[in-house]
Amino acid sequence: MLSTDDDGGFMSRLADDFEAAQLAMGADTLTQASKVLDDLMSTHAEVRYTLLRVTECLTDALRIAESRGLRLSVPESSEDDEDDETDDSPQQPAEASV
């Protein structure tokens, strides 16, 4: 079994390169999709094809995000974290707080 656990290892670099290529294709597809959607003369077939490509790229991006999330280490919970879990009040994201 091959492992990507080693950050500098061959498989890890290969996975990073593959992810970078997928994200670059997603960016290119987004640029092309914008052109198709901005053109009022785009045919139904062009719009449908574009949406299929965008869907593929979004699937890849979500897979990459999930994969990277799984690679992040989860900090051990402390007593303070346990107290936060019992708090039922809605939490605001850190970026949104003023």
Protein backbone atom coordinates (compact mmCIF):
# COMPACT_ATOMS: atom_id res chain seq x y z
CA MET A 1 0.00 0.00 0.00
CA LEU A 2 1.30 3.45 -0.92
CA SER A 3 1.04 6.23 1.62
CA THR A 4 0.83 10.00 1.21
CA ASP A 5 1.56 10.58 4.91
CA ASP A 6 5.14 11.75 4.23
CA ASP A 7 4.85 15.47 3.34
CA GLY A 8 7.98 15.40 1.20
CA GLY A 9 7.46 11.91 -0.18
CA PHE A 10 6.93 10.98 -3.80
CA MET A 11 3.24 10.15 -3.43
CA SER A 12 2.54 13.32 -1.49
CA ARG A 13 4.23 15.46 -4.15
CA LEU A 14 2.41 13.57 -6.89
CA ALA A 15 -0.93 14.15 -5.15
CA ASP A 16 -0.13 17.85 -4.67
CA ASP A 17 0.80 18.20 -8.36
CA PHE A 18 -2.37 16.42 -9.44
CA GLU A 19 -4.50 18.63 -7.19
CA ALA A 20 -2.79 21.75 -8.56
CA ALA A 21 -3.54 20.62 -12.13
CA GLN A 22 -7.20 19.96 -11.25
CA LEU A 23 -7.56 23.39 -9.65
CA ALA A 24 -5.89 25.07 -12.64
CA MET A 25 -8.32 23.29 -14.98
CA GLY A 26 -11.15 24.48 -12.75
CA ALA A 27 -9.97 28.07 -13.02
CA ASP A 28 -9.72 27.79 -16.82
CA THR A 29 -13.17 26.22 -17.01
CA LEU A 30 -14.61 29.02 -14.87
CA THR A 31 -13.13 31.61 -17.22
CA GLN A 32 -14.64 29.85 -20.25
CA ALA A 33 -17.99 29.41 -18.47
CA SER A 34 -18.14 33.12 -17.77
CA LYS A 35 -17.60 33.85 -21.47
CA VAL A 36 -20.38 31.43 -22.49
CA LEU A 37 -22.80 32.84 -19.94
CA ASP A 38 -21.99 36.45 -20.87
CA ASP A 39 -22.75 35.73 -24.54
CA LEU A 40 -26.48 36.08 -25.06
CA MET A 41 -26.10 34.14 -28.33
CA SER A 42 -24.74 31.01 -26.62
CA THR A 43 -26.73 27.97 -27.63
CA HIS A 44 -28.47 25.58 -25.26
CA ALA A 45 -25.84 22.95 -26.14
CA GLU A 46 -22.97 25.33 -25.26
CA VAL A 47 -24.51 26.24 -21.93
CA ARG A 48 -25.23 22.59 -21.12
CA TYR A 49 -21.69 21.51 -22.04
CA THR A 50 -20.26 24.34 -19.95
CA LEU A 51 -22.36 23.36 -16.96
CA LEU A 52 -21.20 19.75 -17.27
CA ARG A 53 -17.54 20.87 -17.24
CA VAL A 54 -18.14 23.22 -14.28
CA THR A 55 -19.84 20.37 -12.40
CA GLU A 56 -16.82 18.13 -13.00
CA CYS A 57 -14.46 20.84 -11.76
CA LEU A 58 -16.55 21.52 -8.68
CA THR A 59 -16.57 17.79 -7.90
CA ASP A 60 -12.76 17.77 -8.16
CA ALA A 61 -12.45 20.87 -5.95
CA LEU A 62 -14.70 19.38 -3.28
CA ARG A 63 -12.73 16.12 -3.38
CA ILE A 64 -9.50 18.09 -2.94
CA ALA A 65 -10.95 20.09 -0.03
CA GLU A 66 -12.13 16.91 1.67
CA SER A 67 -8.79 15.20 1.10
CA ARG A 68 -6.85 18.15 2.49
CA GLY A 69 -9.20 18.35 5.46
CA LEU A 70 -8.56 14.71 6.25
CA ARG A 71 -4.81 15.39 6.21
CA LEU A 72 -5.08 18.11 8.83
CA SER A 73 -4.39 16.93 12.32
CA VAL A 74 -7.23 17.32 14.76
CA PRO A 75 -6.09 18.95 18.00
CA GLU A 76 -6.80 17.05 21.16
CA SER A 77 -9.84 18.43 22.95
CA SER A 78 -9.34 20.14 26.27
CA GLU A 79 -11.82 20.83 29.05
CA ASP A 80 -12.49 24.26 27.52
CA ASP A 81 -13.43 22.61 24.20
CA GLU A 82 -15.82 20.27 26.00
CA ASP A 83 -17.55 23.25 27.63
CA ASP A 84 -17.95 24.86 24.19
CA GLU A 85 -19.64 21.73 22.86
CA THR A 86 -22.44 22.00 25.42
CA ASP A 87 -23.14 25.64 24.51
CA ASP A 88 -26.22 25.63 22.29
CA SER A 89 -25.93 29.28 21.24
CA PRO A 90 -25.19 29.92 17.56
CA GLN A 91 -21.53 30.54 16.82
CA GLN A 92 -20.30 33.15 14.35
CA PRO A 93 -17.29 32.40 12.14
CA ALA A 94 -14.13 34.15 13.29
CA GLU A 95 -13.96 36.22 10.10
CA ALA A 96 -17.48 37.56 10.60
CA SER A 97 -17.00 38.81 14.15
CA VAL A 98 -16.46 42.54 14.55
